[in-house]
Amino acid sequence: MAVLRSMKRFVTKALLAGQVVVLQDLGRLQVSLQGKCYPEEALADEEFEPRSMIKGHKIVFRPEVKLKEAIAMGLSLKRISSEAME
């Protein structure tokens, strides 16, 4: 648990600094922002606050190819009746 807590602090600090966090043999983490478009004239306004244009954010995980392949090889599909889902 101590390792995971330390990793959480490291990942948080790196993501807030705008860095991509590479987890060797697992994948990459990075922050993605969603925002509104604004006219170029707004940049000249002294009261313009770019942060106000951010609508949301998420952390994106992009797995390494070997991880994706390992998961794909282990997947199996099985048909079940709708009665089993109730």
N, C-alpha and C. Protein backbone atom coordinates (compact mmCIF):
# COMPACT_ATOMS: atom_id res chain seq x y z
N MET A 1 0.82 -1.20 0.00
CA MET A 1 0.00 0.00 0.00
C MET A 1 0.86 1.26 0.00
N ALA A 2 1.97 1.21 0.70
CA ALA A 2 2.85 2.39 0.76
C ALA A 2 3.36 2.75 -0.64
N VAL A 3 3.69 1.73 -1.43
CA VAL A 3 4.18 1.97 -2.79
C VAL A 3 3.09 2.62 -3.63
N LEU A 4 1.87 2.13 -3.51
CA LEU A 4 0.76 2.69 -4.29
C LEU A 4 0.45 4.12 -3.87
N ARG A 5 0.51 4.40 -2.58
CA ARG A 5 0.28 5.78 -2.11
C ARG A 5 1.35 6.72 -2.64
N SER A 6 2.59 6.26 -2.60
CA SER A 6 3.69 7.07 -3.13
C SER A 6 3.53 7.29 -4.62
N MET A 7 3.13 6.24 -5.33
CA MET A 7 2.91 6.35 -6.77
C MET A 7 1.79 7.34 -7.07
N LYS A 8 0.75 7.33 -6.26
CA LYS A 8 -0.37 8.25 -6.45
C LYS A 8 0.11 9.70 -6.35
N ARG A 9 0.95 9.97 -5.35
CA ARG A 9 1.48 11.33 -5.19
C ARG A 9 2.34 11.72 -6.39
N PHE A 10 3.19 10.81 -6.84
CA PHE A 10 4.07 11.07 -7.98
C PHE A 10 3.25 11.32 -9.25
N VAL A 11 2.27 10.45 -9.50
CA VAL A 11 1.44 10.58 -10.71
C VAL A 11 0.66 11.89 -10.67
N THR A 12 0.07 12.22 -9.54
CA THR A 12 -0.69 13.46 -9.41
C THR A 12 0.18 14.67 -9.71
N LYS A 13 1.36 14.71 -9.11
CA LYS A 13 2.27 15.84 -9.32
C LYS A 13 2.68 15.95 -10.79
N ALA A 14 2.99 14.84 -11.41
CA ALA A 14 3.42 14.85 -12.81
C ALA A 14 2.28 15.27 -13.74
N LEU A 15 1.08 14.75 -13.51
CA LEU A 15 -0.06 15.11 -14.36
C LEU A 15 -0.41 16.59 -14.22
N LEU A 16 -0.36 17.11 -13.01
CA LEU A 16 -0.64 18.53 -12.79
C LEU A 16 0.41 19.42 -13.45
N ALA A 17 1.61 18.88 -13.65
CA ALA A 17 2.68 19.62 -14.32
C ALA A 17 2.58 19.49 -15.84
N GLY A 18 1.55 18.77 -16.31
CA GLY A 18 1.35 18.63 -17.75
C GLY A 18 2.18 17.53 -18.39
N GLN A 19 2.75 16.67 -17.59
CA GLN A 19 3.58 15.59 -18.10
C GLN A 19 2.77 14.34 -18.40
N VAL A 20 3.32 13.51 -19.28
CA VAL A 20 2.76 12.19 -19.54
C VAL A 20 3.49 11.22 -18.63
N VAL A 21 2.74 10.41 -17.90
CA VAL A 21 3.34 9.45 -16.98
C VAL A 21 3.42 8.10 -17.68
N VAL A 22 4.64 7.58 -17.81
CA VAL A 22 4.87 6.30 -18.48
C VAL A 22 5.01 5.23 -17.41
N LEU A 23 4.11 4.26 -17.45
CA LEU A 23 4.16 3.12 -16.54
C LEU A 23 4.72 1.96 -17.36
N GLN A 24 6.00 1.69 -17.18
CA GLN A 24 6.71 0.72 -18.01
C GLN A 24 5.95 -0.59 -18.15
N ASP A 25 5.80 -1.05 -19.36
CA ASP A 25 5.11 -2.30 -19.72
C ASP A 25 3.61 -2.27 -19.45
N LEU A 26 3.07 -1.19 -18.95
CA LEU A 26 1.62 -1.09 -18.73
C LEU A 26 0.98 -0.10 -19.69
N GLY A 27 1.48 1.13 -19.71
CA GLY A 27 0.90 2.14 -20.58
C GLY A 27 1.26 3.54 -20.12
N ARG A 28 0.47 4.49 -20.58
CA ARG A 28 0.73 5.91 -20.29
C ARG A 28 -0.53 6.57 -19.75
N LEU A 29 -0.31 7.52 -18.87
CA LEU A 29 -1.39 8.34 -18.32
C LEU A 29 -1.16 9.79 -18.72
N GLN A 30 -2.22 10.47 -19.09
CA GLN A 30 -2.11 11.91 -19.35
C GLN A 30 -3.46 12.56 -19.12
N VAL A 31 -3.43 13.88 -18.89
CA VAL A 31 -4.65 14.64 -18.66
C VAL A 31 -5.18 15.14 -20.00
N SER A 32 -6.48 15.06 -20.16
CA SER A 32 -7.15 15.58 -21.34
C SER A 32 -8.17 16.61 -20.87
N LEU A 33 -8.17 17.79 -21.50
CA LEU A 33 -9.09 18.86 -21.13
C LEU A 33 -10.14 19.05 -22.22
N GLN A 34 -11.36 19.32 -21.82
CA GLN A 34 -12.41 19.70 -22.76
C GLN A 34 -12.71 21.17 -22.49
N GLY A 35 -12.81 21.93 -23.56
CA GLY A 35 -13.04 23.35 -23.38
C GLY A 35 -13.90 23.96 -24.46
N LYS A 36 -14.29 25.20 -24.23
CA LYS A 36 -15.07 25.96 -25.19
C LYS A 36 -14.11 26.75 -26.08
N CYS A 37 -14.53 26.98 -27.29
CA CYS A 37 -13.75 27.85 -28.19
C CYS A 37 -14.06 29.30 -27.83
N TYR A 38 -13.12 30.16 -28.07
CA TYR A 38 -13.33 31.57 -27.81
C TYR A 38 -12.70 32.36 -28.96
N PRO A 39 -13.26 33.52 -29.23
CA PRO A 39 -12.72 34.33 -30.33
C PRO A 39 -11.34 34.89 -29.99
N GLU A 40 -10.55 35.12 -31.00
CA GLU A 40 -9.19 35.63 -30.81
C GLU A 40 -9.20 37.00 -30.14
N GLU A 41 -10.25 37.77 -30.37
CA GLU A 41 -10.34 39.10 -29.75
C GLU A 41 -10.38 38.99 -28.23
N ALA A 42 -10.88 37.89 -27.73
CA ALA A 42 -10.99 37.72 -26.27
C ALA A 42 -9.61 37.72 -25.62
N LEU A 43 -8.58 37.32 -26.34
CA LEU A 43 -7.23 37.30 -25.78
C LEU A 43 -6.74 38.69 -25.41
N ALA A 44 -7.21 39.69 -26.13
CA ALA A 44 -6.78 41.07 -25.87
C ALA A 44 -7.45 41.65 -24.62
N ASP A 45 -8.58 41.10 -24.22
CA ASP A 45 -9.30 41.58 -23.05
C ASP A 45 -8.50 41.26 -21.79
N GLU A 46 -8.21 42.26 -20.97
CA GLU A 46 -7.41 42.05 -19.76
C GLU A 46 -8.12 41.17 -18.74
N GLU A 47 -9.43 41.11 -18.79
CA GLU A 47 -10.18 40.31 -17.83
C GLU A 47 -10.42 38.88 -18.32
N PHE A 48 -9.86 38.54 -19.49
CA PHE A 48 -10.04 37.20 -20.04
C PHE A 48 -9.35 36.17 -19.15
N GLU A 49 -10.08 35.14 -18.79
CA GLU A 49 -9.56 34.07 -17.94
C GLU A 49 -9.68 32.75 -18.70
N PRO A 50 -8.58 32.23 -19.29
CA PRO A 50 -8.65 30.99 -20.06
C PRO A 50 -9.21 29.82 -19.27
N ARG A 51 -8.95 29.79 -17.97
CA ARG A 51 -9.43 28.69 -17.13
C ARG A 51 -10.96 28.59 -17.15
N SER A 52 -11.63 29.73 -17.34
CA SER A 52 -13.10 29.72 -17.36
C SER A 52 -13.65 28.98 -18.58
N MET A 53 -12.81 28.76 -19.57
CA MET A 53 -13.24 28.08 -20.78
C MET A 53 -13.13 26.56 -20.68
N ILE A 54 -12.53 26.05 -19.61
CA ILE A 54 -12.39 24.61 -19.44
C ILE A 54 -13.71 24.04 -18.92
N LYS A 55 -14.30 23.12 -19.68
CA LYS A 55 -15.58 22.53 -19.30
C LYS A 55 -15.40 21.25 -18.49
N GLY A 56 -14.30 20.56 -18.69
CA GLY A 56 -14.09 19.32 -17.97
C GLY A 56 -12.70 18.76 -18.23
N HIS A 57 -12.40 17.72 -17.50
CA HIS A 57 -11.11 17.06 -17.68
C HIS A 57 -11.26 15.58 -17.39
N LYS A 58 -10.29 14.81 -17.86
CA LYS A 58 -10.26 13.39 -17.54
C LYS A 58 -8.82 12.91 -17.63
N ILE A 59 -8.56 11.79 -17.01
CA ILE A 59 -7.25 11.16 -17.11
C ILE A 59 -7.38 10.03 -18.11
N VAL A 60 -6.54 10.08 -19.13
CA VAL A 60 -6.59 9.10 -20.21
C VAL A 60 -5.48 8.07 -19.99
N PHE A 61 -5.84 6.79 -20.06
CA PHE A 61 -4.86 5.70 -19.98
C PHE A 61 -4.76 5.06 -21.34
N ARG A 62 -3.54 4.98 -21.86
CA ARG A 62 -3.30 4.32 -23.15
C ARG A 62 -2.42 3.11 -22.88
N PRO A 63 -2.99 1.91 -22.94
CA PRO A 63 -2.20 0.71 -22.62
C PRO A 63 -1.14 0.42 -23.68
N GLU A 64 -0.06 -0.22 -23.24
CA GLU A 64 0.98 -0.68 -24.17
C GLU A 64 0.42 -1.79 -25.04
N VAL A 65 0.98 -1.97 -26.21
CA VAL A 65 0.50 -2.97 -27.17
C VAL A 65 0.50 -4.37 -26.56
N LYS A 66 1.56 -4.74 -25.85
CA LYS A 66 1.63 -6.09 -25.27
C LYS A 66 0.52 -6.32 -24.25
N LEU A 67 0.17 -5.31 -23.48
CA LEU A 67 -0.92 -5.44 -22.52
C LEU A 67 -2.24 -5.64 -23.25
N LYS A 68 -2.48 -4.83 -24.29
CA LYS A 68 -3.72 -4.97 -25.06
C LYS A 68 -3.81 -6.36 -25.69
N GLU A 69 -2.69 -6.85 -26.21
CA GLU A 69 -2.68 -8.17 -26.83
C GLU A 69 -2.94 -9.27 -25.81
N ALA A 70 -2.34 -9.16 -24.63
CA ALA A 70 -2.54 -10.15 -23.58
C ALA A 70 -4.00 -10.20 -23.15
N ILE A 71 -4.63 -9.04 -23.03
CA ILE A 71 -6.04 -9.00 -22.65
C ILE A 71 -6.89 -9.61 -23.75
N ALA A 72 -6.60 -9.24 -25.00
CA ALA A 72 -7.38 -9.76 -26.13
C ALA A 72 -7.29 -11.28 -26.21
N MET A 73 -6.12 -11.84 -25.93
CA MET A 73 -5.95 -13.30 -26.00
C MET A 73 -6.72 -14.01 -24.89
N GLY A 74 -6.90 -13.33 -23.77
CA GLY A 74 -7.59 -13.95 -22.64
C GLY A 74 -9.10 -13.77 -22.64
N LEU A 75 -9.62 -12.98 -23.58
CA LEU A 75 -11.05 -12.73 -23.62
C LEU A 75 -11.80 -13.89 -24.27
N SER A 76 -12.96 -14.16 -23.75
CA SER A 76 -13.83 -15.12 -24.41
C SER A 76 -15.27 -14.61 -24.24
N LEU A 77 -16.07 -14.89 -25.22
CA LEU A 77 -17.46 -14.47 -25.20
C LEU A 77 -18.35 -15.69 -25.04
N LYS A 78 -19.40 -15.52 -24.29
CA LYS A 78 -20.32 -16.63 -24.04
C LYS A 78 -21.72 -16.07 -24.05
N ARG A 79 -22.58 -16.65 -24.84
CA ARG A 79 -23.97 -16.21 -24.91
C ARG A 79 -24.71 -16.72 -23.67
N ILE A 80 -25.45 -15.82 -23.03
CA ILE A 80 -26.29 -16.21 -21.91
C ILE A 80 -27.71 -15.78 -22.20
N SER A 81 -28.65 -16.46 -21.59
CA SER A 81 -30.05 -16.10 -21.83
C SER A 81 -30.38 -14.84 -21.07
N SER A 82 -31.39 -14.12 -21.53
CA SER A 82 -31.81 -12.91 -20.85
C SER A 82 -32.36 -13.22 -19.47
N GLU A 83 -32.85 -14.44 -19.27
CA GLU A 83 -33.35 -14.84 -17.96
C GLU A 83 -32.24 -14.89 -16.93
N ALA A 84 -31.05 -15.24 -17.35
CA ALA A 84 -29.91 -15.33 -16.44
C ALA A 84 -29.48 -13.95 -15.95
N MET A 85 -29.84 -12.93 -16.68
CA MET A 85 -29.43 -11.57 -16.31
C MET A 85 -30.38 -10.96 -15.29
N GLU A 86 -31.51 -11.53 -15.08
CA GLU A 86 -32.51 -10.95 -14.16
C GLU A 86 -32.25 -11.33 -12.74
